[in-house]
Protein backbone atom coordinates (compact mmCIF):
# COMPACT_ATOMS: atom_id res chain seq x y z
CA MET A 1 -0.01 -0.11 0.01
CA ASP A 2 1.24 3.56 -0.67
CA TYR A 3 0.96 4.98 2.84
CA GLU A 4 2.71 8.40 1.71
CA ALA A 5 -0.23 8.93 -0.92
CA VAL A 6 -3.11 7.91 1.40
CA ILE A 7 -1.78 10.06 4.40
CA SER A 8 -0.77 12.94 2.07
CA GLU A 9 -4.56 13.03 0.82
CA LYS A 10 -5.75 12.83 4.26
CA PHE A 11 -3.52 15.53 5.58
CA PRO A 12 -2.43 17.92 2.72
CA ASN A 13 -0.86 20.38 5.17
CA CYS A 14 1.80 17.73 6.39
CA ASN A 15 5.03 16.68 4.99
CA VAL A 16 5.02 12.73 5.02
CA GLU A 17 7.74 10.19 5.45
CA VAL A 18 7.32 6.50 5.52
CA ILE A 19 10.16 4.82 7.11
CA THR A 20 10.96 1.08 6.80
CA PRO A 21 13.34 -0.77 9.51
CA ASP A 22 16.31 -1.01 7.03
CA VAL A 23 16.85 2.61 6.75
CA PHE A 24 18.00 3.84 10.49
CA GLU A 25 19.14 1.96 13.52
CA LEU A 26 16.39 2.38 16.11
CA GLU A 27 18.18 4.84 18.37
CA MET A 28 19.28 6.75 15.03
CA LEU A 29 15.57 6.85 14.15
CA SER A 30 14.77 8.40 17.41
CA GLU A 31 17.38 11.19 17.01
CA TYR A 32 16.18 11.79 13.51
CA ILE A 33 12.55 12.50 14.58
CA ALA A 34 14.01 14.38 17.53
CA ASP A 35 15.87 16.64 15.01
CA ASP A 36 12.55 17.24 13.21
CA ILE A 37 11.02 18.23 16.34
CA VAL A 38 13.74 20.91 16.83
CA VAL A 39 13.21 22.01 13.15
CA TYR A 40 9.38 21.90 12.94
CA LYS A 41 8.85 23.10 16.69
CA PRO A 42 5.33 21.34 17.04
CA HIS A 43 3.61 22.19 20.33
CA THR A 44 2.26 18.71 20.76
CA VAL A 45 3.77 15.32 19.10
CA LEU A 46 0.93 12.57 18.99
CA VAL A 47 2.34 9.18 18.70
CA TYR A 48 -0.36 6.43 17.53
CA ARG A 49 1.96 3.36 17.66
CA HIS A 50 3.56 3.43 14.25
CA LEU A 51 2.25 6.88 13.12
CA ILE A 52 3.83 9.96 14.45
CA ARG A 53 2.02 13.40 13.81
CA PHE A 54 3.43 17.06 14.67
CA LEU A 55 0.72 19.32 15.67
CA MET A 56 1.59 22.87 14.71
CA ASN A 57 -0.09 26.14 14.86
CA VAL A 58 -2.58 27.19 12.39
CA GLY A 59 -1.28 27.98 9.01
CA GLU A 60 2.34 26.07 9.62
CA ARG A 61 2.95 22.90 7.67
CA GLY A 62 3.24 19.69 10.15
CA LYS A 63 4.78 16.42 9.48
CA ILE A 64 3.86 12.81 9.84
CA TYR A 65 5.94 9.95 10.13
CA TYR A 66 4.72 6.30 9.21
CA LEU A 67 6.81 3.59 10.64
CA ASP A 68 6.08 0.89 8.18
CA GLY A 69 7.12 -2.91 9.29
CA PHE A 70 8.47 -2.31 12.83
CA SER A 71 7.66 -4.78 15.72
CA ASP A 72 6.09 -3.44 18.98
CA GLU A 73 9.32 -3.83 20.63
CA ASP A 74 11.10 -1.58 18.16
CA LEU A 75 8.05 0.82 18.51
CA LYS A 76 8.66 0.83 22.29
CA VAL A 77 12.21 1.58 21.76
CA ILE A 78 11.48 4.54 19.29
CA HIS A 79 8.59 5.90 21.89
CA GLY A 80 11.05 5.89 24.63
CA GLY A 81 13.66 7.94 22.93
CA LEU A 82 10.98 10.39 21.81
CA LEU A 83 9.80 10.76 25.48
CA LYS A 84 13.32 11.10 26.81
CA PHE A 85 14.00 14.04 24.29
CA THR A 86 10.74 15.98 25.05
CA TRP A 87 11.27 15.46 28.76
CA LYS A 88 12.42 18.88 29.52
CA SER A 89 10.99 20.76 26.47
CA ASP A 90 8.04 22.88 25.68
CA THR A 91 6.81 20.20 23.16
CA LYS A 92 4.27 17.97 24.67
CA ILE A 93 4.08 14.14 23.60
CA ASN A 94 0.99 12.21 23.72
CA LEU A 95 1.39 8.37 23.45
CA PHE A 96 -1.48 6.41 22.54
CA LYS A 97 0.46 3.07 22.39
CA ASN A 98 -2.71 0.73 21.75
CA SER A 99 -4.09 2.75 19.02
CA ASN A 100 -4.69 1.34 15.33
CA PRO A 101 -3.80 4.40 13.38
CA ASP A 102 -4.55 2.48 9.98
CA ARG A 103 -8.17 2.12 11.22
CA ASP A 104 -8.52 5.17 13.68
CA ILE A 105 -6.43 7.84 11.78
CA LEU A 106 -6.37 6.81 8.32
CA GLY A 107 -9.72 4.86 8.07
CA LEU A 108 -8.00 1.79 6.25
């Protein structure tokens, strides 16, 4: 399935990036996403298991990561890295670890 096209259609004001396990090591992936938190400066990061969405102020372009093919254990490591990074920042992180973003967010 072309998740990038599906997400871009549903969220036209967001940049979309689909990442598979062979692109980064887990710790590097957490740092990669954390670097984008610094660049985008979202007020909130919503984490729906394998879909991560930056909530921005009105009129600003957001970012969505879709982590395709990661195990639940991998996702726990990534979520932990994001929680650690945002611990002392102004960015809030909301973790919905039992959600099904394909159904709940994308309507698939």
